[in-house]
Amino acid sequence: MGRTKKNIKLKHKKKPVEHKERVKFNMAIHGELLRWMARAGQTDEDMAQEIGISRTTLHRWKVQYPDLRLIMQDAKNIADAKVEQALYDKAVGRREIVETETTTVMIDGEECPRVTVRKKPVLGDTTAQIFWLKNRQPAKWRDRKELGVDNNDNLWAEALAGIADEMTDEDRAILDAIGEKTGGEA
């Protein structure tokens, strides 16, 4: 008996493809919602998922509606500026911690609250300072510095020629002996 679709059992059933309901863009609703999410520091992927669309759809909306793109970019810039300011404050130690203490004192036989306020400066954080400097002045503060030495064969050849000219016969004999012991040329 030949194999037909009826007598072949599939081991794995295909999962039904989920089709999302198409969301129609509304600037009043989506623009405001996306602005607040961008201002809160959410990524485009997080925002798209939150409102039930794909990241591709969000990208398409930003292309189709330039005002939306500008709204979201401005909101992201505000969030970035807040983080930048917080990093700067932590790096230079500008903030102060305010401590309050409430005690009770007797004035004319009555208990009255007395509030003492103390301000403590916060010292700059070394990690924040390093992070700031490496990102703001990478040429000066990055871990790996370029020494600016060109890998120019002519410079090396000239330098080696100068050394070879200054070598004595005794220096050459020592180098030859080292080369023989190591199995190569010195």
N, C-alpha and C. Protein backbone atom coordinates (compact mmCIF):
# COMPACT_ATOMS: atom_id res chain seq x y z
N MET A 1 0.85 -1.18 0.00
CA MET A 1 0.00 0.00 0.00
C MET A 1 0.89 1.23 0.00
N GLY A 2 0.62 2.17 -0.86
CA GLY A 2 1.43 3.38 -0.97
C GLY A 2 1.20 4.33 0.19
N ARG A 3 2.14 5.15 0.39
CA ARG A 3 2.05 6.11 1.49
C ARG A 3 1.25 7.32 1.04
N THR A 4 0.26 7.62 1.77
CA THR A 4 -0.56 8.80 1.49
C THR A 4 -0.56 9.67 2.72
N LYS A 5 -1.08 10.85 2.59
CA LYS A 5 -1.13 11.77 3.72
C LYS A 5 -1.94 11.20 4.87
N LYS A 6 -2.91 10.37 4.57
CA LYS A 6 -3.79 9.83 5.61
C LYS A 6 -3.06 8.85 6.52
N ASN A 7 -2.18 8.02 5.96
CA ASN A 7 -1.57 7.00 6.80
C ASN A 7 -0.18 7.37 7.33
N ILE A 8 0.29 8.57 7.10
CA ILE A 8 1.56 9.04 7.66
C ILE A 8 1.26 9.82 8.92
N LYS A 9 1.82 9.36 10.01
CA LYS A 9 1.63 10.08 11.27
C LYS A 9 2.81 11.00 11.49
N LEU A 10 2.51 12.24 11.75
CA LEU A 10 3.57 13.20 12.02
C LEU A 10 3.95 13.10 13.49
N LYS A 11 5.24 13.02 13.75
CA LYS A 11 5.71 12.94 15.13
C LYS A 11 5.56 14.29 15.83
N HIS A 12 5.82 15.33 15.10
CA HIS A 12 5.77 16.67 15.69
C HIS A 12 4.70 17.49 14.98
N LYS A 13 3.78 17.96 15.75
CA LYS A 13 2.75 18.81 15.16
C LYS A 13 3.29 20.23 15.05
N LYS A 14 2.97 20.89 13.98
CA LYS A 14 3.39 22.28 13.82
C LYS A 14 2.59 23.16 14.75
N LYS A 15 3.30 24.09 15.35
CA LYS A 15 2.62 25.04 16.23
C LYS A 15 1.90 26.05 15.37
N PRO A 16 0.70 26.40 15.78
CA PRO A 16 -0.01 27.42 15.00
C PRO A 16 0.71 28.76 15.11
N VAL A 17 0.77 29.47 14.01
CA VAL A 17 1.43 30.78 13.97
C VAL A 17 0.50 31.79 14.61
N GLU A 18 1.06 32.52 15.58
CA GLU A 18 0.26 33.54 16.24
C GLU A 18 0.33 34.83 15.44
N HIS A 19 -0.81 35.35 15.09
CA HIS A 19 -0.86 36.62 14.39
C HIS A 19 -1.34 37.67 15.37
N LYS A 20 -0.48 38.66 15.59
CA LYS A 20 -0.88 39.74 16.49
C LYS A 20 -1.88 40.63 15.77
N GLU A 21 -2.78 41.12 16.55
CA GLU A 21 -3.73 42.07 15.99
C GLU A 21 -2.96 43.33 15.62
N ARG A 22 -3.18 43.83 14.46
CA ARG A 22 -2.46 45.01 13.99
C ARG A 22 -2.85 46.23 14.82
N VAL A 23 -1.84 46.89 15.36
CA VAL A 23 -2.07 48.07 16.18
C VAL A 23 -1.94 49.29 15.28
N LYS A 24 -2.97 50.11 15.27
CA LYS A 24 -2.95 51.32 14.46
C LYS A 24 -2.32 52.44 15.28
N PHE A 25 -1.39 53.15 14.68
CA PHE A 25 -0.67 54.21 15.38
C PHE A 25 -1.58 55.40 15.65
N ASN A 26 -1.50 55.90 16.87
CA ASN A 26 -2.24 57.09 17.28
C ASN A 26 -1.25 57.98 18.02
N MET A 27 -0.91 59.13 17.44
CA MET A 27 0.11 60.00 18.02
C MET A 27 -0.25 60.44 19.43
N ALA A 28 -1.51 60.75 19.67
CA ALA A 28 -1.91 61.24 20.99
C ALA A 28 -1.67 60.17 22.06
N ILE A 29 -1.96 58.95 21.74
CA ILE A 29 -1.81 57.87 22.73
C ILE A 29 -0.39 57.32 22.71
N HIS A 30 0.03 56.82 21.55
CA HIS A 30 1.33 56.16 21.47
C HIS A 30 2.48 57.14 21.65
N GLY A 31 2.36 58.34 21.11
CA GLY A 31 3.42 59.33 21.25
C GLY A 31 3.70 59.65 22.71
N GLU A 32 2.64 59.89 23.47
CA GLU A 32 2.80 60.21 24.90
C GLU A 32 3.33 59.02 25.68
N LEU A 33 2.79 57.86 25.40
CA LEU A 33 3.21 56.65 26.10
C LEU A 33 4.69 56.34 25.82
N LEU A 34 5.07 56.40 24.56
CA LEU A 34 6.47 56.13 24.19
C LEU A 34 7.41 57.19 24.75
N ARG A 35 6.94 58.42 24.81
CA ARG A 35 7.77 59.49 25.39
C ARG A 35 8.08 59.19 26.86
N TRP A 36 7.06 58.80 27.62
CA TRP A 36 7.27 58.51 29.04
C TRP A 36 8.16 57.29 29.24
N MET A 37 7.99 56.27 28.40
CA MET A 37 8.83 55.07 28.53
C MET A 37 10.28 55.38 28.17
N ALA A 38 10.49 56.19 27.12
CA ALA A 38 11.85 56.56 26.73
C ALA A 38 12.50 57.40 27.82
N ARG A 39 11.72 58.27 28.43
CA ARG A 39 12.23 59.12 29.50
C ARG A 39 12.61 58.31 30.73
N ALA A 40 11.94 57.16 30.90
CA ALA A 40 12.24 56.26 32.02
C ALA A 40 13.44 55.36 31.71
N GLY A 41 14.01 55.50 30.50
CA GLY A 41 15.21 54.76 30.17
C GLY A 41 14.99 53.41 29.51
N GLN A 42 13.76 53.12 29.08
CA GLN A 42 13.50 51.84 28.44
C GLN A 42 14.09 51.80 27.04
N THR A 43 14.47 50.62 26.60
CA THR A 43 14.99 50.44 25.25
C THR A 43 13.83 50.36 24.26
N ASP A 44 14.13 50.50 22.98
CA ASP A 44 13.09 50.40 21.95
C ASP A 44 12.40 49.03 22.02
N GLU A 45 13.18 47.99 22.25
CA GLU A 45 12.61 46.64 22.33
C GLU A 45 11.65 46.53 23.51
N ASP A 46 12.03 47.08 24.67
CA ASP A 46 11.15 47.06 25.84
C ASP A 46 9.86 47.83 25.58
N MET A 47 10.00 48.99 24.95
CA MET A 47 8.83 49.82 24.68
C MET A 47 7.87 49.12 23.71
N ALA A 48 8.43 48.52 22.67
CA ALA A 48 7.59 47.83 21.68
C ALA A 48 6.84 46.68 22.35
N GLN A 49 7.54 45.92 23.15
CA GLN A 49 6.90 44.80 23.84
C GLN A 49 5.81 45.29 24.78
N GLU A 50 6.06 46.39 25.46
CA GLU A 50 5.10 46.93 26.42
C GLU A 50 3.78 47.33 25.76
N ILE A 51 3.86 47.88 24.55
CA ILE A 51 2.62 48.31 23.89
C ILE A 51 2.08 47.27 22.90
N GLY A 52 2.74 46.09 22.86
CA GLY A 52 2.21 44.98 22.08
C GLY A 52 2.51 45.02 20.60
N ILE A 53 3.66 45.60 20.24
CA ILE A 53 4.07 45.60 18.83
C ILE A 53 5.48 45.04 18.73
N SER A 54 5.93 44.78 17.52
CA SER A 54 7.30 44.30 17.33
C SER A 54 8.24 45.51 17.27
N ARG A 55 9.50 45.22 17.48
CA ARG A 55 10.50 46.28 17.38
C ARG A 55 10.55 46.84 15.95
N THR A 56 10.31 45.98 14.97
CA THR A 56 10.28 46.41 13.57
C THR A 56 9.14 47.40 13.34
N THR A 57 7.99 47.14 13.94
CA THR A 57 6.86 48.06 13.79
C THR A 57 7.20 49.41 14.41
N LEU A 58 7.81 49.38 15.59
CA LEU A 58 8.19 50.64 16.23
C LEU A 58 9.17 51.41 15.34
N HIS A 59 10.12 50.71 14.75
CA HIS A 59 11.08 51.37 13.85
C HIS A 59 10.35 51.97 12.64
N ARG A 60 9.39 51.21 12.10
CA ARG A 60 8.62 51.71 10.96
C ARG A 60 7.84 52.96 11.35
N TRP A 61 7.24 52.96 12.55
CA TRP A 61 6.51 54.13 13.02
C TRP A 61 7.44 55.34 13.12
N LYS A 62 8.66 55.12 13.61
CA LYS A 62 9.60 56.25 13.75
C LYS A 62 10.00 56.81 12.39
N VAL A 63 10.04 55.96 11.38
CA VAL A 63 10.35 56.41 10.02
C VAL A 63 9.15 57.14 9.43
N GLN A 64 7.95 56.57 9.60
CA GLN A 64 6.74 57.15 9.02
C GLN A 64 6.32 58.45 9.72
N TYR A 65 6.59 58.55 11.00
CA TYR A 65 6.17 59.71 11.79
C TYR A 65 7.40 60.37 12.43
N PRO A 66 8.05 61.28 11.71
CA PRO A 66 9.28 61.91 12.21
C PRO A 66 9.08 62.61 13.56
N ASP A 67 7.87 63.12 13.81
CA ASP A 67 7.61 63.76 15.12
C ASP A 67 7.76 62.75 16.26
N LEU A 68 7.33 61.51 16.02
CA LEU A 68 7.47 60.47 17.04
C LEU A 68 8.95 60.22 17.32
N ARG A 69 9.73 60.12 16.25
CA ARG A 69 11.18 59.89 16.41
C ARG A 69 11.80 61.01 17.23
N LEU A 70 11.43 62.26 16.95
CA LEU A 70 11.97 63.40 17.69
C LEU A 70 11.53 63.39 19.15
N ILE A 71 10.26 63.06 19.39
CA ILE A 71 9.74 62.99 20.76
C ILE A 71 10.53 61.95 21.56
N MET A 72 10.71 60.78 20.95
CA MET A 72 11.42 59.70 21.65
C MET A 72 12.89 60.06 21.87
N GLN A 73 13.52 60.68 20.87
CA GLN A 73 14.94 61.04 21.01
C GLN A 73 15.12 62.10 22.09
N ASP A 74 14.24 63.10 22.13
CA ASP A 74 14.32 64.12 23.18
C ASP A 74 14.16 63.50 24.57
N ALA A 75 13.22 62.56 24.70
CA ALA A 75 13.00 61.90 25.98
C ALA A 75 14.22 61.07 26.39
N LYS A 76 14.81 60.38 25.42
CA LYS A 76 16.02 59.59 25.72
C LYS A 76 17.17 60.51 26.12
N ASN A 77 17.27 61.68 25.47
CA ASN A 77 18.32 62.63 25.82
C ASN A 77 18.15 63.14 27.25
N ILE A 78 16.91 63.34 27.67
CA ILE A 78 16.64 63.78 29.05
C ILE A 78 17.09 62.70 30.03
N ALA A 79 16.74 61.45 29.74
CA ALA A 79 17.15 60.34 30.61
C ALA A 79 18.67 60.24 30.67
N ASP A 80 19.32 60.35 29.51
CA ASP A 80 20.78 60.29 29.47
C ASP A 80 21.41 61.44 30.26
N ALA A 81 20.84 62.63 30.15
CA ALA A 81 21.37 63.80 30.87
C ALA A 81 21.24 63.59 32.38
N LYS A 82 20.15 62.99 32.83
CA LYS A 82 19.99 62.72 34.27
C LYS A 82 21.07 61.75 34.76
N VAL A 83 21.33 60.70 33.99
CA VAL A 83 22.35 59.74 34.37
C VAL A 83 23.72 60.40 34.34
N GLU A 84 23.95 61.21 33.32
CA GLU A 84 25.23 61.91 33.22
C GLU A 84 25.44 62.83 34.42
N GLN A 85 24.40 63.55 34.81
CA GLN A 85 24.51 64.44 35.97
C GLN A 85 24.76 63.66 37.25
N ALA A 86 24.07 62.52 37.40
CA ALA A 86 24.27 61.69 38.58
C ALA A 86 25.70 61.14 38.63
N LEU A 87 26.21 60.73 37.48
CA LEU A 87 27.59 60.25 37.42
C LEU A 87 28.56 61.37 37.76
N TYR A 88 28.31 62.54 37.21
CA TYR A 88 29.17 63.69 37.50
C TYR A 88 29.14 64.03 38.99
N ASP A 89 27.95 64.06 39.57
CA ASP A 89 27.83 64.34 41.00
C ASP A 89 28.57 63.31 41.83
N LYS A 90 28.46 62.06 41.44
CA LYS A 90 29.15 61.00 42.18
C LYS A 90 30.66 61.12 42.01
N ALA A 91 31.10 61.50 40.82
CA ALA A 91 32.54 61.61 40.55
C ALA A 91 33.17 62.75 41.34
N VAL A 92 32.50 63.90 41.39
CA VAL A 92 33.10 65.06 42.07
C VAL A 92 32.66 65.18 43.53
N GLY A 93 31.67 64.41 43.94
CA GLY A 93 31.26 64.44 45.34
C GLY A 93 30.51 65.68 45.74
N ARG A 94 29.70 66.22 44.87
CA ARG A 94 28.95 67.45 45.16
C ARG A 94 27.79 67.26 46.11
N ARG A 95 27.20 66.10 46.11
CA ARG A 95 25.99 65.89 46.90
C ARG A 95 26.30 65.87 48.39
N GLU A 96 25.30 66.17 49.17
CA GLU A 96 25.42 66.10 50.61
C GLU A 96 24.30 65.21 51.15
N ILE A 97 24.64 64.44 52.14
CA ILE A 97 23.63 63.64 52.82
C ILE A 97 23.13 64.47 54.00
N VAL A 98 21.84 64.62 54.09
CA VAL A 98 21.24 65.39 55.18
C VAL A 98 20.69 64.40 56.20
N GLU A 99 21.18 64.54 57.41
CA GLU A 99 20.68 63.70 58.49
C GLU A 99 19.88 64.58 59.44
N THR A 100 18.75 64.09 59.84
CA THR A 100 17.96 64.82 60.83
C THR A 100 17.78 63.95 62.06
N GLU A 101 17.79 64.59 63.18
CA GLU A 101 17.58 63.89 64.44
C GLU A 101 16.58 64.69 65.26
N THR A 102 15.57 64.03 65.72
CA THR A 102 14.55 64.71 66.53
C THR A 102 14.69 64.27 67.98
N THR A 103 14.82 65.25 68.83
CA THR A 103 14.87 64.97 70.27
C THR A 103 13.82 65.83 70.95
N THR A 104 13.60 65.55 72.21
CA THR A 104 12.63 66.32 72.97
C THR A 104 13.37 67.13 74.03
N VAL A 105 13.02 68.42 74.12
CA VAL A 105 13.63 69.30 75.13
C VAL A 105 12.50 69.93 75.95
N MET A 106 12.85 70.28 77.15
CA MET A 106 11.87 70.93 78.04
C MET A 106 12.04 72.44 77.93
N ILE A 107 10.99 73.13 77.56
CA ILE A 107 10.98 74.59 77.51
C ILE A 107 9.78 75.05 78.32
N ASP A 108 10.07 75.83 79.36
CA ASP A 108 9.02 76.34 80.28
C ASP A 108 8.12 75.21 80.79
N GLY A 109 8.75 74.08 81.10
CA GLY A 109 8.00 72.97 81.66
C GLY A 109 7.25 72.13 80.65
N GLU A 110 7.36 72.45 79.36
CA GLU A 110 6.68 71.66 78.34
C GLU A 110 7.70 70.94 77.47
N GLU A 111 7.33 69.74 77.03
CA GLU A 111 8.18 69.01 76.11
C GLU A 111 7.97 69.54 74.69
N CYS A 112 9.06 69.92 74.06
CA CYS A 112 9.00 70.45 72.69
C CYS A 112 9.98 69.65 71.83
N PRO A 113 9.59 69.39 70.59
CA PRO A 113 10.52 68.66 69.70
C PRO A 113 11.65 69.59 69.24
N ARG A 114 12.83 69.02 69.15
CA ARG A 114 13.99 69.77 68.66
C ARG A 114 14.58 68.95 67.51
N VAL A 115 14.67 69.57 66.36
CA VAL A 115 15.19 68.88 65.18
C VAL A 115 16.60 69.40 64.90
N THR A 116 17.54 68.48 64.82
CA THR A 116 18.92 68.82 64.50
C THR A 116 19.20 68.33 63.09
N VAL A 117 19.72 69.21 62.26
CA VAL A 117 20.03 68.87 60.88
C VAL A 117 21.54 68.92 60.70
N ARG A 118 22.08 67.82 60.17
CA ARG A 118 23.51 67.76 59.89
C ARG A 118 23.71 67.44 58.41
N LYS A 119 24.61 68.16 57.79
CA LYS A 119 24.92 67.90 56.39
C LYS A 119 26.31 67.28 56.32
N LYS A 120 26.39 66.17 55.60
CA LYS A 120 27.67 65.49 55.43
C LYS A 120 28.01 65.49 53.94
N PRO A 121 29.19 65.97 53.58
CA PRO A 121 29.57 65.91 52.16
C PRO A 121 29.91 64.47 51.77
N VAL A 122 29.59 64.14 50.55
CA VAL A 122 29.93 62.83 50.01
C VAL A 122 31.18 63.01 49.16
N LEU A 123 32.21 62.24 49.46
CA LEU A 123 33.44 62.34 48.69
C LEU A 123 33.24 61.75 47.30
N GLY A 124 34.06 62.20 46.38
CA GLY A 124 33.98 61.69 45.01
C GLY A 124 34.29 60.21 44.97
N ASP A 125 33.64 59.51 44.07
CA ASP A 125 33.82 58.07 43.91
C ASP A 125 34.87 57.82 42.83
N THR A 126 35.91 57.09 43.18
CA THR A 126 37.02 56.86 42.25
C THR A 126 36.57 56.13 41.00
N THR A 127 35.72 55.13 41.14
CA THR A 127 35.24 54.38 39.98
C THR A 127 34.48 55.29 39.02
N ALA A 128 33.63 56.14 39.56
CA ALA A 128 32.88 57.08 38.72
C ALA A 128 33.83 58.06 38.04
N GLN A 129 34.87 58.48 38.74
CA GLN A 129 35.84 59.40 38.16
C GLN A 129 36.58 58.75 36.99
N ILE A 130 37.02 57.51 37.19
CA ILE A 130 37.73 56.80 36.13
C ILE A 130 36.82 56.60 34.92
N PHE A 131 35.58 56.17 35.18
CA PHE A 131 34.62 55.96 34.10
C PHE A 131 34.42 57.25 33.32
N TRP A 132 34.23 58.34 34.03
CA TRP A 132 34.01 59.64 33.40
C TRP A 132 35.21 60.02 32.51
N LEU A 133 36.39 59.93 33.07
CA LEU A 133 37.58 60.35 32.32
C LEU A 133 37.85 59.46 31.11
N LYS A 134 37.67 58.16 31.26
CA LYS A 134 37.91 57.25 30.13
C LYS A 134 36.95 57.53 28.98
N ASN A 135 35.73 57.94 29.30
CA ASN A 135 34.75 58.20 28.25
C ASN A 135 34.83 59.61 27.71
N ARG A 136 35.21 60.56 28.53
CA ARG A 136 35.28 61.94 28.08
C ARG A 136 36.61 62.27 27.40
N GLN A 137 37.69 61.63 27.86
CA GLN A 137 39.01 61.89 27.30
C GLN A 137 39.72 60.56 27.02
N PRO A 138 39.20 59.79 26.08
CA PRO A 138 39.75 58.44 25.88
C PRO A 138 41.22 58.43 25.46
N ALA A 139 41.65 59.40 24.69
CA ALA A 139 43.05 59.40 24.25
C ALA A 139 44.00 59.57 25.44
N LYS A 140 43.56 60.27 26.44
CA LYS A 140 44.41 60.55 27.60
C LYS A 140 44.27 59.50 28.70
N TRP A 141 43.07 58.90 28.85
CA TRP A 141 42.80 58.07 30.03
C TRP A 141 42.52 56.60 29.75
N ARG A 142 42.49 56.17 28.51
CA ARG A 142 42.19 54.76 28.27
C ARG A 142 43.33 53.88 28.81
N ASP A 143 43.01 52.62 29.05
CA ASP A 143 43.99 51.69 29.62
C ASP A 143 45.15 51.42 28.68
N ARG A 144 44.86 51.31 27.41
CA ARG A 144 45.89 51.00 26.43
C ARG A 144 46.22 52.26 25.65
N LYS A 145 47.47 52.64 25.67
CA LYS A 145 47.87 53.84 24.94
C LYS A 145 48.66 53.44 23.71
N GLU A 146 48.43 54.18 22.65
CA GLU A 146 49.19 54.00 21.43
C GLU A 146 50.47 54.81 21.58
N LEU A 147 51.60 54.17 21.36
CA LEU A 147 52.87 54.86 21.57
C LEU A 147 53.29 55.70 20.37
N GLY A 148 52.63 55.52 19.27
CA GLY A 148 52.94 56.34 18.10
C GLY A 148 54.18 55.88 17.35
N VAL A 149 54.63 54.65 17.57
CA VAL A 149 55.79 54.13 16.86
C VAL A 149 55.28 53.51 15.57
N ASP A 150 55.78 54.01 14.45
CA ASP A 150 55.38 53.46 13.16
C ASP A 150 56.14 52.17 12.92
N ASN A 151 55.47 51.23 12.37
CA ASN A 151 56.12 49.97 12.04
C ASN A 151 56.74 50.11 10.65
N ASN A 152 57.64 51.03 10.55
CA ASN A 152 58.26 51.36 9.27
C ASN A 152 59.56 50.58 9.14
N ASP A 153 59.64 49.71 8.15
CA ASP A 153 60.82 48.86 7.98
C ASP A 153 62.08 49.68 7.75
N ASN A 154 61.96 50.83 7.09
CA ASN A 154 63.15 51.66 6.83
C ASN A 154 63.76 52.18 8.12
N LEU A 155 62.91 52.58 9.09
CA LEU A 155 63.44 53.05 10.37
C LEU A 155 64.18 51.94 11.10
N TRP A 156 63.57 50.73 11.10
CA TRP A 156 64.22 49.60 11.76
C TRP A 156 65.53 49.24 11.04
N ALA A 157 65.50 49.24 9.74
CA ALA A 157 66.70 48.89 8.98
C ALA A 157 67.83 49.89 9.27
N GLU A 158 67.47 51.18 9.33
CA GLU A 158 68.47 52.20 9.64
C GLU A 158 69.03 52.04 11.05
N ALA A 159 68.14 51.74 11.99
CA ALA A 159 68.58 51.57 13.37
C ALA A 159 69.50 50.36 13.50
N LEU A 160 69.12 49.24 12.85
CA LEU A 160 69.96 48.04 12.92
C LEU A 160 71.29 48.24 12.19
N ALA A 161 71.24 48.97 11.10
CA ALA A 161 72.49 49.24 10.36
C ALA A 161 73.43 50.07 11.22
N GLY A 162 72.86 51.03 11.95
CA GLY A 162 73.68 51.85 12.84
C GLY A 162 74.32 51.02 13.94
N ILE A 163 73.58 50.07 14.47
CA ILE A 163 74.12 49.19 15.51
C ILE A 163 75.20 48.29 14.93
N ALA A 164 74.93 47.75 13.74
CA ALA A 164 75.90 46.85 13.11
C ALA A 164 77.20 47.57 12.80
N ASP A 165 77.11 48.84 12.42
CA ASP A 165 78.33 49.61 12.13
C ASP A 165 79.18 49.82 13.38
N GLU A 166 78.51 49.91 14.54
CA GLU A 166 79.23 50.17 15.78
C GLU A 166 79.75 48.90 16.45
N MET A 167 79.34 47.72 15.93
CA MET A 167 79.75 46.46 16.55
C MET A 167 81.22 46.17 16.26
N THR A 168 81.88 45.63 17.27
CA THR A 168 83.28 45.22 17.10
C THR A 168 83.31 43.76 16.68
N ASP A 169 84.48 43.28 16.31
CA ASP A 169 84.63 41.87 15.95
C ASP A 169 84.31 40.98 17.13
N GLU A 170 84.62 41.45 18.34
CA GLU A 170 84.33 40.68 19.56
C GLU A 170 82.81 40.55 19.75
N ASP A 171 82.06 41.67 19.49
CA ASP A 171 80.59 41.63 19.60
C ASP A 171 80.00 40.63 18.61
N ARG A 172 80.54 40.62 17.39
CA ARG A 172 80.05 39.69 16.37
C ARG A 172 80.33 38.25 16.77
N ALA A 173 81.49 38.00 17.36
CA ALA A 173 81.86 36.65 17.79
C ALA A 173 80.91 36.17 18.90
N ILE A 174 80.55 37.09 19.81
CA ILE A 174 79.63 36.73 20.90
C ILE A 174 78.26 36.40 20.33
N LEU A 175 77.76 37.19 19.40
CA LEU A 175 76.46 36.93 18.78
C LEU A 175 76.47 35.62 18.01
N ASP A 176 77.56 35.34 17.31
CA ASP A 176 77.66 34.07 16.57
C ASP A 176 77.62 32.89 17.53
N ALA A 177 78.31 33.01 18.67
CA ALA A 177 78.32 31.94 19.67
C ALA A 177 76.92 31.72 20.25
N ILE A 178 76.21 32.81 20.50
CA ILE A 178 74.84 32.70 21.01
C ILE A 178 73.95 32.02 19.97
N GLY A 179 74.14 32.37 18.72
CA GLY A 179 73.35 31.77 17.64
C GLY A 179 73.62 30.29 17.52
N GLU A 180 74.86 29.85 17.69
CA GLU A 180 75.19 28.43 17.61
C GLU A 180 74.55 27.66 18.74
N LYS A 181 74.53 28.26 19.96
CA LYS A 181 73.96 27.57 21.12
C LYS A 181 72.44 27.47 21.01
N THR A 182 71.80 28.45 20.42
CA THR A 182 70.34 28.44 20.32
C THR A 182 69.85 27.78 19.04
N GLY A 183 70.77 27.44 18.15
CA GLY A 183 70.37 26.75 16.93
C GLY A 183 69.90 27.70 15.85
N GLY A 184 70.17 28.95 15.99
CA GLY A 184 69.74 29.92 14.99
C GLY A 184 70.76 31.00 14.86
N GLU A 185 70.37 32.05 14.17
CA GLU A 185 71.28 33.18 14.03
C GLU A 185 70.93 34.21 15.07
N ALA A 186 71.94 34.81 15.65
CA ALA A 186 71.70 35.83 16.65
C ALA A 186 71.74 37.19 16.01
